[in-house]
Amino acid sequence: MKKLKALALASVCFTTMMFTQQEAEAKTTVHTVRQGETLWTISKDYGVSLVELKRVNNKRSDLLLVGQTLRVPDTISAAEKDLLARLVHAEAKGEPFAGKVAVATVVLNRVDHPDFPNTIKEVIYERSGGHYAFTPVQNGEINKPADREAYRAVEEALAFRGLGNGSLYFYNPKTAKSQWLRSKQVTIVIGNHVFAK
């Protein structure tokens, strides 16, 4: 009887493992390397992190061969990209392109950080002390359409995901009143925004 139970348990574990592996494989795309492509261009074309692309393919170097196949993990949905682009547009209007990328990166860093929610939507709409984390959500600017540059900034941030200084916050020192925010370690200053962690 014990052997039968052990066999049944092993069968359930094996089946679960197979479904998990199939589910993981279903969430990836296969890409065949073409002449002139690099890991960077492939990650940018698919809007995935360069770090994640290398990790999924067990790549320790940047060497690619024409005809080689790579597994490309799924990235965020079109709706999440649109929401993030609208936030970037509202938060970084008039800022340099690098500042727009940095704003998108802050959201992605929060998604990846254990102290923040796990999705782009949850991070953007997070509330604390009766206020939203981002001013455009509070004042409704998040509902306005994003421009092309904001979408490009989101794609760039996705490609660089996992790289950089780990910024989790940004603020305009001319308008920010929070001493708590000002006490955070500055990672970079771009345009009118200070980025910090």
N, C-alpha and C. Protein backbone atom coordinates (compact mmCIF):
# COMPACT_ATOMS: atom_id res chain seq x y z
N MET A 1 0.82 -1.19 0.00
CA MET A 1 0.00 0.00 0.00
C MET A 1 0.87 1.26 0.00
N LYS A 2 1.97 1.24 0.81
CA LYS A 2 2.87 2.38 0.88
C LYS A 2 3.52 2.62 -0.48
N LYS A 3 3.90 1.51 -1.16
CA LYS A 3 4.51 1.65 -2.48
C LYS A 3 3.53 2.26 -3.47
N LEU A 4 2.27 1.88 -3.37
CA LEU A 4 1.25 2.41 -4.27
C LEU A 4 1.05 3.91 -4.03
N LYS A 5 1.03 4.33 -2.75
CA LYS A 5 0.90 5.74 -2.41
C LYS A 5 2.11 6.53 -2.91
N ALA A 6 3.29 5.97 -2.73
CA ALA A 6 4.52 6.64 -3.17
C ALA A 6 4.53 6.78 -4.69
N LEU A 7 4.07 5.72 -5.38
CA LEU A 7 4.01 5.76 -6.84
C LEU A 7 3.00 6.82 -7.31
N ALA A 8 1.86 6.89 -6.65
CA ALA A 8 0.84 7.88 -7.00
C ALA A 8 1.37 9.30 -6.76
N LEU A 9 2.05 9.49 -5.63
CA LEU A 9 2.62 10.80 -5.30
C LEU A 9 3.68 11.20 -6.33
N ALA A 10 4.53 10.26 -6.71
CA ALA A 10 5.57 10.54 -7.71
C ALA A 10 4.93 10.90 -9.05
N SER A 11 3.85 10.20 -9.40
CA SER A 11 3.14 10.47 -10.66
C SER A 11 2.56 11.88 -10.66
N VAL A 12 1.96 12.29 -9.54
CA VAL A 12 1.39 13.64 -9.42
C VAL A 12 2.49 14.68 -9.53
N CYS A 13 3.60 14.46 -8.84
CA CYS A 13 4.73 15.41 -8.88
C CYS A 13 5.29 15.54 -10.29
N PHE A 14 5.44 14.40 -10.99
CA PHE A 14 5.97 14.41 -12.35
C PHE A 14 5.02 15.18 -13.28
N THR A 15 3.72 14.92 -13.17
CA THR A 15 2.73 15.58 -14.01
C THR A 15 2.73 17.09 -13.75
N THR A 16 2.80 17.48 -12.47
CA THR A 16 2.85 18.90 -12.12
C THR A 16 4.09 19.56 -12.69
N MET A 17 5.22 18.86 -12.59
CA MET A 17 6.48 19.39 -13.11
C MET A 17 6.40 19.56 -14.63
N MET A 18 5.80 18.61 -15.32
CA MET A 18 5.68 18.68 -16.77
C MET A 18 4.79 19.87 -17.19
N PHE A 19 3.64 20.06 -16.47
CA PHE A 19 2.76 21.17 -16.79
C PHE A 19 3.45 22.50 -16.54
N THR A 20 4.22 22.60 -15.46
CA THR A 20 4.95 23.83 -15.13
C THR A 20 5.98 24.12 -16.21
N GLN A 21 6.70 23.08 -16.66
CA GLN A 21 7.70 23.26 -17.72
C GLN A 21 7.02 23.66 -19.03
N GLN A 22 5.90 23.01 -19.36
CA GLN A 22 5.19 23.35 -20.59
C GLN A 22 4.64 24.78 -20.52
N GLU A 23 4.16 25.19 -19.35
CA GLU A 23 3.64 26.54 -19.17
C GLU A 23 4.76 27.55 -19.36
N ALA A 24 5.94 27.27 -18.82
CA ALA A 24 7.09 28.17 -18.97
C ALA A 24 7.50 28.26 -20.43
N GLU A 25 7.50 27.12 -21.14
CA GLU A 25 7.87 27.11 -22.54
C GLU A 25 6.84 27.84 -23.39
N ALA A 26 5.56 27.75 -22.98
CA ALA A 26 4.51 28.43 -23.72
C ALA A 26 4.64 29.94 -23.61
N LYS A 27 5.30 30.43 -22.58
CA LYS A 27 5.46 31.86 -22.37
C LYS A 27 6.72 32.39 -23.04
N THR A 28 7.33 31.60 -23.91
CA THR A 28 8.51 32.07 -24.62
C THR A 28 8.29 31.96 -26.12
N THR A 29 9.03 32.78 -26.85
CA THR A 29 9.02 32.77 -28.30
C THR A 29 10.39 32.27 -28.74
N VAL A 30 10.44 31.57 -29.85
CA VAL A 30 11.73 31.12 -30.38
C VAL A 30 12.14 32.08 -31.49
N HIS A 31 13.37 32.57 -31.42
CA HIS A 31 13.90 33.49 -32.41
C HIS A 31 15.15 32.87 -33.05
N THR A 32 15.22 32.92 -34.37
CA THR A 32 16.40 32.44 -35.08
C THR A 32 17.28 33.65 -35.42
N VAL A 33 18.53 33.60 -34.99
CA VAL A 33 19.46 34.71 -35.16
C VAL A 33 19.76 34.93 -36.64
N ARG A 34 19.65 36.20 -37.06
CA ARG A 34 19.96 36.59 -38.45
C ARG A 34 21.26 37.39 -38.48
N GLN A 35 21.82 37.52 -39.66
CA GLN A 35 23.05 38.27 -39.87
C GLN A 35 22.93 39.68 -39.28
N GLY A 36 23.93 40.09 -38.51
CA GLY A 36 23.99 41.45 -37.97
C GLY A 36 23.26 41.65 -36.65
N GLU A 37 22.53 40.65 -36.18
CA GLU A 37 21.80 40.80 -34.92
C GLU A 37 22.73 40.60 -33.73
N THR A 38 22.41 41.28 -32.65
CA THR A 38 23.11 41.12 -31.38
C THR A 38 22.07 40.82 -30.30
N LEU A 39 22.54 40.39 -29.16
CA LEU A 39 21.60 40.18 -28.04
C LEU A 39 20.86 41.47 -27.73
N TRP A 40 21.59 42.59 -27.81
CA TRP A 40 20.98 43.89 -27.53
C TRP A 40 19.86 44.21 -28.51
N THR A 41 20.10 44.04 -29.82
CA THR A 41 19.06 44.37 -30.80
C THR A 41 17.87 43.42 -30.66
N ILE A 42 18.13 42.16 -30.37
CA ILE A 42 17.03 41.20 -30.20
C ILE A 42 16.21 41.56 -28.97
N SER A 43 16.87 41.89 -27.86
CA SER A 43 16.14 42.27 -26.64
C SER A 43 15.31 43.52 -26.89
N LYS A 44 15.87 44.46 -27.64
CA LYS A 44 15.14 45.70 -27.94
C LYS A 44 13.96 45.43 -28.87
N ASP A 45 14.16 44.58 -29.90
CA ASP A 45 13.09 44.25 -30.85
C ASP A 45 11.90 43.60 -30.14
N TYR A 46 12.17 42.76 -29.15
CA TYR A 46 11.10 42.05 -28.45
C TYR A 46 10.64 42.78 -27.19
N GLY A 47 11.37 43.84 -26.80
CA GLY A 47 10.99 44.58 -25.60
C GLY A 47 11.20 43.77 -24.33
N VAL A 48 12.26 42.97 -24.31
CA VAL A 48 12.58 42.18 -23.12
C VAL A 48 13.93 42.63 -22.57
N SER A 49 14.15 42.32 -21.33
CA SER A 49 15.41 42.67 -20.69
C SER A 49 16.57 41.89 -21.29
N LEU A 50 17.66 42.58 -21.52
CA LEU A 50 18.89 41.93 -21.99
C LEU A 50 19.35 40.90 -20.97
N VAL A 51 19.27 41.26 -19.70
CA VAL A 51 19.67 40.35 -18.62
C VAL A 51 18.82 39.08 -18.65
N GLU A 52 17.49 39.26 -18.80
CA GLU A 52 16.57 38.11 -18.82
C GLU A 52 16.80 37.25 -20.06
N LEU A 53 17.04 37.88 -21.22
CA LEU A 53 17.31 37.14 -22.46
C LEU A 53 18.54 36.26 -22.29
N LYS A 54 19.59 36.81 -21.69
CA LYS A 54 20.81 36.03 -21.47
C LYS A 54 20.56 34.90 -20.46
N ARG A 55 19.80 35.21 -19.40
CA ARG A 55 19.54 34.21 -18.36
C ARG A 55 18.75 33.04 -18.92
N VAL A 56 17.69 33.31 -19.66
CA VAL A 56 16.82 32.27 -20.22
C VAL A 56 17.59 31.35 -21.16
N ASN A 57 18.60 31.92 -21.84
CA ASN A 57 19.36 31.14 -22.83
C ASN A 57 20.71 30.67 -22.30
N ASN A 58 20.95 30.81 -21.01
CA ASN A 58 22.22 30.39 -20.39
C ASN A 58 23.42 30.99 -21.11
N LYS A 59 23.32 32.28 -21.48
CA LYS A 59 24.40 32.95 -22.21
C LYS A 59 25.30 33.67 -21.22
N ARG A 60 26.57 33.33 -21.23
CA ARG A 60 27.53 34.02 -20.37
C ARG A 60 28.34 35.03 -21.18
N SER A 61 28.26 34.92 -22.52
CA SER A 61 28.95 35.88 -23.39
C SER A 61 27.92 36.45 -24.36
N ASP A 62 28.35 37.39 -25.16
CA ASP A 62 27.47 38.02 -26.14
C ASP A 62 27.57 37.37 -27.53
N LEU A 63 28.33 36.30 -27.65
CA LEU A 63 28.56 35.64 -28.93
C LEU A 63 27.27 35.00 -29.44
N LEU A 64 26.92 35.34 -30.69
CA LEU A 64 25.77 34.73 -31.37
C LEU A 64 26.22 34.22 -32.72
N LEU A 65 25.59 33.13 -33.16
CA LEU A 65 25.88 32.57 -34.48
C LEU A 65 24.62 32.67 -35.34
N VAL A 66 24.79 33.02 -36.60
CA VAL A 66 23.66 33.08 -37.52
C VAL A 66 23.02 31.70 -37.58
N GLY A 67 21.69 31.66 -37.46
CA GLY A 67 20.96 30.39 -37.47
C GLY A 67 20.72 29.83 -36.08
N GLN A 68 21.41 30.33 -35.09
CA GLN A 68 21.23 29.88 -33.70
C GLN A 68 19.82 30.28 -33.24
N THR A 69 19.19 29.44 -32.44
CA THR A 69 17.86 29.77 -31.91
C THR A 69 17.99 30.23 -30.47
N LEU A 70 17.19 31.22 -30.14
CA LEU A 70 17.13 31.75 -28.78
C LEU A 70 15.69 31.71 -28.30
N ARG A 71 15.52 31.41 -27.04
CA ARG A 71 14.20 31.52 -26.43
C ARG A 71 14.05 32.95 -25.93
N VAL A 72 12.95 33.60 -26.31
CA VAL A 72 12.69 34.97 -25.90
C VAL A 72 11.49 34.96 -24.96
N PRO A 73 11.70 35.32 -23.69
CA PRO A 73 10.58 35.30 -22.74
C PRO A 73 9.55 36.38 -23.09
N ASP A 74 8.29 36.10 -22.76
CA ASP A 74 7.24 37.09 -22.99
C ASP A 74 7.53 38.33 -22.15
N THR A 75 7.12 39.45 -22.67
CA THR A 75 7.29 40.71 -21.98
C THR A 75 5.92 41.16 -21.47
N ILE A 76 5.81 42.40 -21.11
CA ILE A 76 4.55 42.90 -20.58
C ILE A 76 3.52 43.03 -21.68
N SER A 77 2.25 43.09 -21.31
CA SER A 77 1.17 43.17 -22.29
C SER A 77 1.12 44.55 -22.93
N ALA A 78 0.41 44.63 -24.04
CA ALA A 78 0.23 45.91 -24.73
C ALA A 78 -0.49 46.92 -23.84
N ALA A 79 -1.44 46.45 -23.05
CA ALA A 79 -2.17 47.35 -22.14
C ALA A 79 -1.24 47.91 -21.07
N GLU A 80 -0.33 47.06 -20.55
CA GLU A 80 0.62 47.54 -19.55
C GLU A 80 1.61 48.53 -20.16
N LYS A 81 2.05 48.26 -21.40
CA LYS A 81 2.95 49.20 -22.07
C LYS A 81 2.27 50.54 -22.26
N ASP A 82 1.00 50.50 -22.66
CA ASP A 82 0.24 51.74 -22.87
C ASP A 82 0.11 52.51 -21.55
N LEU A 83 -0.23 51.83 -20.48
CA LEU A 83 -0.37 52.48 -19.18
C LEU A 83 0.96 53.10 -18.75
N LEU A 84 2.04 52.35 -18.89
CA LEU A 84 3.36 52.85 -18.51
C LEU A 84 3.76 54.04 -19.39
N ALA A 85 3.47 53.98 -20.68
CA ALA A 85 3.79 55.09 -21.59
C ALA A 85 3.00 56.34 -21.21
N ARG A 86 1.73 56.15 -20.82
CA ARG A 86 0.92 57.30 -20.40
C ARG A 86 1.49 57.94 -19.12
N LEU A 87 1.98 57.09 -18.21
CA LEU A 87 2.59 57.63 -16.99
C LEU A 87 3.87 58.40 -17.35
N VAL A 88 4.70 57.80 -18.20
CA VAL A 88 5.95 58.46 -18.62
C VAL A 88 5.63 59.79 -19.29
N HIS A 89 4.65 59.81 -20.17
CA HIS A 89 4.28 61.04 -20.87
C HIS A 89 3.86 62.12 -19.88
N ALA A 90 3.02 61.75 -18.92
CA ALA A 90 2.52 62.72 -17.95
C ALA A 90 3.60 63.18 -16.97
N GLU A 91 4.44 62.26 -16.52
CA GLU A 91 5.46 62.59 -15.52
C GLU A 91 6.66 63.31 -16.11
N ALA A 92 7.03 62.98 -17.35
CA ALA A 92 8.30 63.47 -17.90
C ALA A 92 8.13 64.32 -19.15
N LYS A 93 6.97 64.93 -19.31
CA LYS A 93 6.74 65.82 -20.44
C LYS A 93 7.78 66.94 -20.40
N GLY A 94 8.48 67.16 -21.52
CA GLY A 94 9.48 68.22 -21.57
C GLY A 94 10.85 67.82 -21.04
N GLU A 95 10.97 66.59 -20.53
CA GLU A 95 12.25 66.10 -20.02
C GLU A 95 13.03 65.43 -21.15
N PRO A 96 14.35 65.30 -20.99
CA PRO A 96 15.14 64.59 -22.02
C PRO A 96 14.71 63.13 -22.13
N PHE A 97 14.99 62.52 -23.28
CA PHE A 97 14.63 61.12 -23.51
C PHE A 97 15.16 60.22 -22.40
N ALA A 98 16.40 60.43 -21.96
CA ALA A 98 16.98 59.61 -20.88
C ALA A 98 16.15 59.72 -19.61
N GLY A 99 15.58 60.88 -19.35
CA GLY A 99 14.73 61.05 -18.17
C GLY A 99 13.43 60.28 -18.29
N LYS A 100 12.90 60.19 -19.50
CA LYS A 100 11.68 59.41 -19.73
C LYS A 100 11.96 57.92 -19.53
N VAL A 101 13.10 57.47 -20.03
CA VAL A 101 13.49 56.07 -19.83
C VAL A 101 13.65 55.80 -18.34
N ALA A 102 14.25 56.73 -17.62
CA ALA A 102 14.48 56.55 -16.18
C ALA A 102 13.17 56.49 -15.40
N VAL A 103 12.17 57.27 -15.81
CA VAL A 103 10.85 57.21 -15.14
C VAL A 103 10.23 55.83 -15.34
N ALA A 104 10.27 55.32 -16.57
CA ALA A 104 9.74 53.97 -16.83
C ALA A 104 10.52 52.93 -16.04
N THR A 105 11.82 53.12 -15.93
CA THR A 105 12.68 52.18 -15.20
C THR A 105 12.32 52.14 -13.72
N VAL A 106 11.97 53.29 -13.15
CA VAL A 106 11.55 53.32 -11.74
C VAL A 106 10.36 52.39 -11.53
N VAL A 107 9.38 52.45 -12.43
CA VAL A 107 8.20 51.57 -12.30
C VAL A 107 8.61 50.11 -12.40
N LEU A 108 9.44 49.77 -13.39
CA LEU A 108 9.88 48.38 -13.56
C LEU A 108 10.70 47.92 -12.36
N ASN A 109 11.54 48.79 -11.81
CA ASN A 109 12.32 48.44 -10.62
C ASN A 109 11.41 48.17 -9.44
N ARG A 110 10.33 48.94 -9.33
CA ARG A 110 9.38 48.70 -8.24
C ARG A 110 8.68 47.35 -8.41
N VAL A 111 8.31 47.01 -9.64
CA VAL A 111 7.68 45.71 -9.90
C VAL A 111 8.61 44.58 -9.44
N ASP A 112 9.90 44.74 -9.67
CA ASP A 112 10.89 43.71 -9.33
C ASP A 112 11.32 43.73 -7.86
N HIS A 113 10.95 44.79 -7.13
CA HIS A 113 11.40 44.96 -5.74
C HIS A 113 10.37 44.37 -4.76
N PRO A 114 10.82 43.68 -3.70
CA PRO A 114 9.88 43.04 -2.78
C PRO A 114 9.01 44.01 -1.97
N ASP A 115 9.38 45.28 -1.87
CA ASP A 115 8.60 46.24 -1.08
C ASP A 115 7.46 46.89 -1.86
N PHE A 116 7.30 46.53 -3.12
CA PHE A 116 6.27 47.14 -3.96
C PHE A 116 5.41 46.05 -4.60
N PRO A 117 4.24 46.44 -5.17
CA PRO A 117 3.39 45.45 -5.85
C PRO A 117 4.12 44.78 -7.01
N ASN A 118 3.53 43.68 -7.52
CA ASN A 118 4.19 42.83 -8.51
C ASN A 118 3.82 43.10 -9.97
N THR A 119 2.93 44.05 -10.22
CA THR A 119 2.57 44.33 -11.61
C THR A 119 2.69 45.83 -11.88
N ILE A 120 2.81 46.17 -13.15
CA ILE A 120 2.92 47.58 -13.53
C ILE A 120 1.67 48.35 -13.11
N LYS A 121 0.52 47.77 -13.36
CA LYS A 121 -0.74 48.45 -13.00
C LYS A 121 -0.82 48.69 -11.50
N GLU A 122 -0.49 47.67 -10.70
CA GLU A 122 -0.55 47.82 -9.24
C GLU A 122 0.44 48.86 -8.74
N VAL A 123 1.64 48.90 -9.33
CA VAL A 123 2.64 49.90 -8.93
C VAL A 123 2.12 51.30 -9.26
N ILE A 124 1.61 51.48 -10.46
CA ILE A 124 1.16 52.81 -10.88
C ILE A 124 -0.03 53.29 -10.05
N TYR A 125 -0.94 52.39 -9.72
CA TYR A 125 -2.14 52.79 -8.97
C TYR A 125 -2.01 52.58 -7.46
N GLU A 126 -0.80 52.32 -6.98
CA GLU A 126 -0.61 52.10 -5.54
C GLU A 126 -0.97 53.36 -4.76
N ARG A 127 -1.63 53.16 -3.62
CA ARG A 127 -2.01 54.26 -2.74
C ARG A 127 -1.30 54.12 -1.41
N SER A 128 -0.98 55.27 -0.83
CA SER A 128 -0.35 55.29 0.48
C SER A 128 -0.78 56.57 1.18
N GLY A 129 -1.33 56.44 2.36
CA GLY A 129 -1.76 57.62 3.11
C GLY A 129 -2.82 58.43 2.38
N GLY A 130 -3.69 57.75 1.62
CA GLY A 130 -4.76 58.44 0.93
C GLY A 130 -4.36 59.07 -0.40
N HIS A 131 -3.10 58.95 -0.77
CA HIS A 131 -2.62 59.53 -2.03
C HIS A 131 -2.04 58.45 -2.92
N TYR A 132 -2.11 58.69 -4.22
CA TYR A 132 -1.48 57.80 -5.17
C TYR A 132 0.03 58.06 -5.19
N ALA A 133 0.80 57.06 -5.56
CA ALA A 133 2.25 57.19 -5.60
C ALA A 133 2.70 58.16 -6.69
N PHE A 134 1.92 58.29 -7.75
CA PHE A 134 2.30 59.14 -8.87
C PHE A 134 1.25 60.23 -9.08
N THR A 135 1.70 61.46 -9.17
CA THR A 135 0.82 62.63 -9.32
C THR A 135 -0.14 62.51 -10.51
N PRO A 136 0.29 62.03 -11.69
CA PRO A 136 -0.66 61.94 -12.82
C PRO A 136 -1.86 61.03 -12.54
N VAL A 137 -1.73 60.09 -11.64
CA VAL A 137 -2.88 59.25 -11.28
C VAL A 137 -3.82 60.09 -10.43
N GLN A 138 -3.25 60.86 -9.51
CA GLN A 138 -4.02 61.72 -8.61
C GLN A 138 -4.80 62.78 -9.40
N ASN A 139 -4.15 63.41 -10.38
CA ASN A 139 -4.79 64.53 -11.08
C ASN A 139 -5.46 64.15 -12.41
N GLY A 140 -5.41 62.89 -12.79
CA GLY A 140 -6.10 62.42 -14.00
C GLY A 140 -5.29 62.51 -15.29
N GLU A 141 -4.07 63.05 -15.24
CA GLU A 141 -3.23 63.16 -16.44
C GLU A 141 -2.87 61.79 -17.02
N ILE A 142 -2.94 60.75 -16.19
CA ILE A 142 -2.63 59.37 -16.62
C ILE A 142 -3.60 58.93 -17.72
N ASN A 143 -4.77 59.56 -17.80
CA ASN A 143 -5.79 59.16 -18.77
C ASN A 143 -5.59 59.75 -20.15
N LYS A 144 -4.62 60.65 -20.29
CA LYS A 144 -4.35 61.25 -21.60
C LYS A 144 -3.42 60.36 -22.41
N PRO A 145 -3.55 60.34 -23.73
CA PRO A 145 -2.71 59.46 -24.55
C PRO A 145 -1.23 59.86 -24.49
N ALA A 146 -0.38 58.87 -24.65
CA ALA A 146 1.07 59.08 -24.65
C ALA A 146 1.54 59.41 -26.06
N ASP A 147 2.67 60.09 -26.15
CA ASP A 147 3.25 60.35 -27.46
C ASP A 147 4.21 59.23 -27.84
N ARG A 148 4.69 59.27 -29.07
CA ARG A 148 5.57 58.22 -29.59
C ARG A 148 6.85 58.08 -28.76
N GLU A 149 7.39 59.21 -28.31
CA GLU A 149 8.64 59.16 -27.55
C GLU A 149 8.45 58.43 -26.21
N ALA A 150 7.29 58.58 -25.59
CA ALA A 150 7.02 57.87 -24.34
C ALA A 150 7.01 56.36 -24.57
N TYR A 151 6.43 55.92 -25.69
CA TYR A 151 6.43 54.49 -26.02
C TYR A 151 7.86 53.99 -26.27
N ARG A 152 8.65 54.80 -26.98
CA ARG A 152 10.05 54.43 -27.22
C ARG A 152 10.81 54.33 -25.89
N ALA A 153 10.52 55.23 -24.96
CA ALA A 153 11.18 55.21 -23.66
C ALA A 153 10.83 53.94 -22.89
N VAL A 154 9.58 53.50 -23.00
CA VAL A 154 9.15 52.25 -22.34
C VAL A 154 9.92 51.07 -22.93
N GLU A 155 10.02 51.00 -24.26
CA GLU A 155 10.75 49.90 -24.90
C GLU A 155 12.21 49.89 -24.46
N GLU A 156 12.81 51.07 -24.38
CA GLU A 156 14.21 51.17 -23.95
C GLU A 156 14.36 50.70 -22.50
N ALA A 157 13.43 51.11 -21.64
CA ALA A 157 13.49 50.71 -20.24
C ALA A 157 13.33 49.19 -20.10
N LEU A 158 12.46 48.61 -20.90
CA LEU A 158 12.28 47.15 -20.87
C LEU A 158 13.56 46.44 -21.29
N ALA A 159 14.21 46.95 -22.32
CA ALA A 159 15.46 46.33 -22.79
C ALA A 159 16.56 46.42 -21.75
N PHE A 160 16.59 47.51 -20.99
CA PHE A 160 17.62 47.71 -19.97
C PHE A 160 17.22 47.14 -18.61
N ARG A 161 16.05 46.53 -18.52
CA ARG A 161 15.54 46.05 -17.23
C ARG A 161 16.56 45.16 -16.54
N GLY A 162 16.79 45.45 -15.25
CA GLY A 162 17.77 44.68 -14.48
C GLY A 162 19.14 45.31 -14.50
N LEU A 163 19.33 46.33 -15.32
CA LEU A 163 20.60 47.05 -15.36
C LEU A 163 20.39 48.43 -14.73
N GLY A 164 21.45 49.15 -14.48
CA GLY A 164 21.29 50.51 -13.97
C GLY A 164 21.53 50.61 -12.48
N ASN A 165 21.07 51.72 -11.94
CA ASN A 165 21.37 52.05 -10.54
C ASN A 165 20.30 51.64 -9.54
N GLY A 166 19.24 51.01 -9.99
CA GLY A 166 18.21 50.53 -9.06
C GLY A 166 17.31 51.62 -8.51
N SER A 167 17.10 52.69 -9.26
CA SER A 167 16.25 53.79 -8.80
C SER A 167 14.83 53.29 -8.52
N LEU A 168 14.29 53.72 -7.37
CA LEU A 168 12.92 53.37 -6.98
C LEU A 168 12.03 54.59 -6.85
N TYR A 169 12.63 55.77 -6.87
CA TYR A 169 11.89 57.01 -6.67
C TYR A 169 12.44 58.08 -7.61
N PHE A 170 11.64 59.08 -7.87
CA PHE A 170 12.11 60.28 -8.57
C PHE A 170 11.28 61.45 -8.10
N TYR A 171 11.86 62.63 -8.17
CA TYR A 171 11.14 63.83 -7.75
C TYR A 171 11.79 65.06 -8.38
N ASN A 172 11.01 66.13 -8.43
CA ASN A 172 11.51 67.42 -8.88
C ASN A 172 11.89 68.20 -7.63
N PRO A 173 13.17 68.51 -7.44
CA PRO A 173 13.59 69.18 -6.21
C PRO A 173 12.97 70.56 -6.01
N LYS A 174 12.47 71.17 -7.10
CA LYS A 174 11.84 72.49 -6.98
C LYS A 174 10.44 72.41 -6.38
N THR A 175 9.80 71.24 -6.54
CA THR A 175 8.41 71.12 -6.08
C THR A 175 8.21 70.08 -4.98
N ALA A 176 9.14 69.16 -4.81
CA ALA A 176 8.97 68.09 -3.82
C ALA A 176 9.10 68.65 -2.41
N LYS A 177 8.15 68.28 -1.56
CA LYS A 177 8.15 68.77 -0.19
C LYS A 177 8.53 67.68 0.81
N SER A 178 8.55 66.44 0.39
CA SER A 178 8.80 65.32 1.29
C SER A 178 10.27 65.23 1.70
N GLN A 179 10.52 65.41 2.98
CA GLN A 179 11.90 65.26 3.50
C GLN A 179 12.32 63.79 3.45
N TRP A 180 11.34 62.90 3.62
CA TRP A 180 11.63 61.46 3.55
C TRP A 180 12.19 61.12 2.17
N LEU A 181 11.52 61.62 1.13
CA LEU A 181 11.96 61.36 -0.24
C LEU A 181 13.33 61.98 -0.49
N ARG A 182 13.53 63.19 0.00
CA ARG A 182 14.82 63.87 -0.19
C ARG A 182 15.96 63.18 0.56
N SER A 183 15.60 62.35 1.55
CA SER A 183 16.64 61.67 2.34
C SER A 183 17.16 60.40 1.65
N LYS A 184 16.50 59.99 0.57
CA LYS A 184 16.91 58.77 -0.14
C LYS A 184 18.22 58.99 -0.90
N GLN A 185 18.97 57.91 -1.09
CA GLN A 185 20.25 57.97 -1.80
C GLN A 185 20.02 58.32 -3.27
N VAL A 186 20.62 59.41 -3.72
CA VAL A 186 20.49 59.84 -5.11
C VAL A 186 21.29 58.90 -6.01
N THR A 187 20.64 58.45 -7.09
CA THR A 187 21.31 57.57 -8.05
C THR A 187 21.76 58.34 -9.29
N ILE A 188 20.93 59.31 -9.72
CA ILE A 188 21.27 60.10 -10.91
C ILE A 188 20.33 61.31 -10.97
N VAL A 189 20.78 62.36 -11.60
CA VAL A 189 19.94 63.52 -11.87
C VAL A 189 19.86 63.68 -13.39
N ILE A 190 18.62 63.72 -13.92
CA ILE A 190 18.40 63.90 -15.35
C ILE A 190 17.36 64.99 -15.52
N GLY A 191 17.73 66.04 -16.22
CA GLY A 191 16.80 67.15 -16.42
C GLY A 191 16.36 67.72 -15.10
N ASN A 192 15.05 67.82 -14.90
CA ASN A 192 14.48 68.39 -13.67
C ASN A 192 14.18 67.32 -12.62
N HIS A 193 14.55 66.08 -12.86
CA HIS A 193 14.24 65.00 -11.92
C HIS A 193 15.48 64.46 -11.23
N VAL A 194 15.31 64.22 -9.94
CA VAL A 194 16.32 63.52 -9.14
C VAL A 194 15.80 62.10 -8.98
N PHE A 195 16.64 61.11 -9.27
CA PHE A 195 16.28 59.69 -9.11
C PHE A 195 17.01 59.16 -7.90
N ALA A 196 16.34 58.30 -7.13
CA ALA A 196 16.91 57.84 -5.87
C ALA A 196 16.46 56.42 -5.56
N LYS A 197 17.15 55.83 -4.56
CA LYS A 197 16.74 54.50 -4.09
C LYS A 197 16.80 54.45 -2.57
